[in-house]
């Protein structure tokens, strides 16, 4: 949603591209590799060993990708300052 009276076609296209880019980055940052859920972990002990390792790997992955999510939030906030609100 772009607020204001000056909505040129070029500006609308730029906004659409920014929104698509942000959505792709967020999807990537939140996605978990399918292989991490199915690959047995070596050295795991007990019934909860593989599940615990998978959980730890997912948590590590989310920590590594947190800057991407923060950048998406920052872009959203920066655009809001110009009257462009991404919902």
Protein backbone atom coordinates (compact mmCIF):
# COMPACT_ATOMS: atom_id res chain seq x y z
CA UNK A 1 0.00 0.00 0.00
CA UNK A 2 1.51 3.31 -1.05
CA UNK A 3 0.00 6.38 0.58
CA UNK A 4 -0.03 9.75 -1.13
CA UNK A 5 -1.14 11.21 -4.42
CA UNK A 6 2.01 10.67 -6.53
CA UNK A 7 1.78 7.01 -7.60
CA UNK A 8 3.60 6.76 -10.92
CA UNK A 9 3.80 3.44 -12.72
CA UNK A 10 7.57 3.31 -12.23
CA UNK A 11 7.29 3.86 -8.49
CA UNK A 12 4.63 1.16 -8.22
CA UNK A 13 6.85 -1.28 -10.14
CA UNK A 14 9.81 -0.51 -7.88
CA UNK A 15 7.68 -1.08 -4.79
CA UNK A 16 6.38 -4.38 -6.21
CA UNK A 17 9.94 -5.56 -6.87
CA UNK A 18 11.06 -4.58 -3.36
CA UNK A 19 8.14 -6.46 -1.84
CA UNK A 20 8.86 -9.57 -3.95
CA UNK A 21 12.55 -9.45 -3.04
CA UNK A 22 11.78 -9.08 0.67
CA UNK A 23 9.32 -11.99 0.51
CA UNK A 24 11.91 -14.25 -1.16
CA UNK A 25 14.56 -13.37 1.42
CA UNK A 26 12.13 -14.04 4.29
CA UNK A 27 11.05 -17.40 2.80
CA UNK A 28 14.70 -18.43 2.47
CA UNK A 29 15.54 -17.27 6.00
CA UNK A 30 12.62 -19.18 7.50
CA UNK A 31 13.00 -22.34 5.39
CA UNK A 32 14.55 -25.43 6.87
CA UNK A 33 16.41 -27.85 4.63
CA UNK A 34 14.37 -31.01 4.13
CA UNK A 35 17.48 -33.18 4.47
CA UNK A 36 17.98 -32.02 8.07
CA UNK A 37 14.71 -33.71 9.03
CA UNK A 38 15.52 -37.07 7.46
CA UNK A 39 19.27 -37.61 7.79
CA UNK A 40 20.23 -39.73 10.82
CA UNK A 41 22.90 -38.15 12.95
CA UNK A 42 26.06 -40.10 13.72
CA UNK A 43 27.04 -40.46 17.34
CA UNK A 44 23.52 -39.85 18.64
CA UNK A 45 22.60 -41.89 21.66
CA UNK A 46 19.16 -42.96 22.76
CA UNK A 47 15.81 -42.35 21.10
CA UNK A 48 15.95 -38.58 21.58
CA UNK A 49 19.52 -38.15 20.29
CA UNK A 50 18.73 -37.60 16.58
CA UNK A 51 15.74 -35.38 17.36
CA UNK A 52 17.79 -33.25 19.74
CA UNK A 53 20.57 -32.86 17.17
CA UNK A 54 18.04 -31.90 14.50
CA UNK A 55 16.53 -29.33 16.85
CA UNK A 56 19.97 -27.89 17.61
CA UNK A 57 20.80 -27.72 13.88
CA UNK A 58 17.55 -25.87 13.18
CA UNK A 59 18.24 -23.44 16.02
CA UNK A 60 21.76 -22.81 14.69
CA UNK A 61 20.40 -22.25 11.19
CA UNK A 62 17.87 -19.74 12.51
CA UNK A 63 20.62 -17.90 14.43
CA UNK A 64 22.70 -17.70 11.25
CA UNK A 65 19.77 -16.38 9.22
CA UNK A 66 18.54 -13.91 11.84
CA UNK A 67 20.40 -11.00 10.17
CA UNK A 68 18.38 -11.63 6.99
CA UNK A 69 15.12 -11.40 8.89
CA UNK A 70 16.32 -8.28 10.66
CA UNK A 71 17.24 -6.73 7.29
CA UNK A 72 13.72 -7.49 6.03
CA UNK A 73 12.23 -5.81 9.08
CA UNK A 74 14.55 -2.85 8.63
CA UNK A 75 13.54 -2.44 4.97
CA UNK A 76 9.90 -2.58 5.99
CA UNK A 77 10.46 0.14 8.59
CA UNK A 78 12.50 2.31 6.23
CA UNK A 79 9.80 2.14 3.56
CA UNK A 80 7.11 2.94 6.13
CA UNK A 81 8.90 6.24 6.77
CA UNK A 82 8.13 7.09 3.11
CA UNK A 83 4.48 6.08 3.43
CA UNK A 84 4.95 2.61 1.92
CA UNK A 85 3.48 -0.05 4.21
CA UNK A 86 4.19 -3.76 3.58
CA UNK A 87 1.59 -6.01 5.17
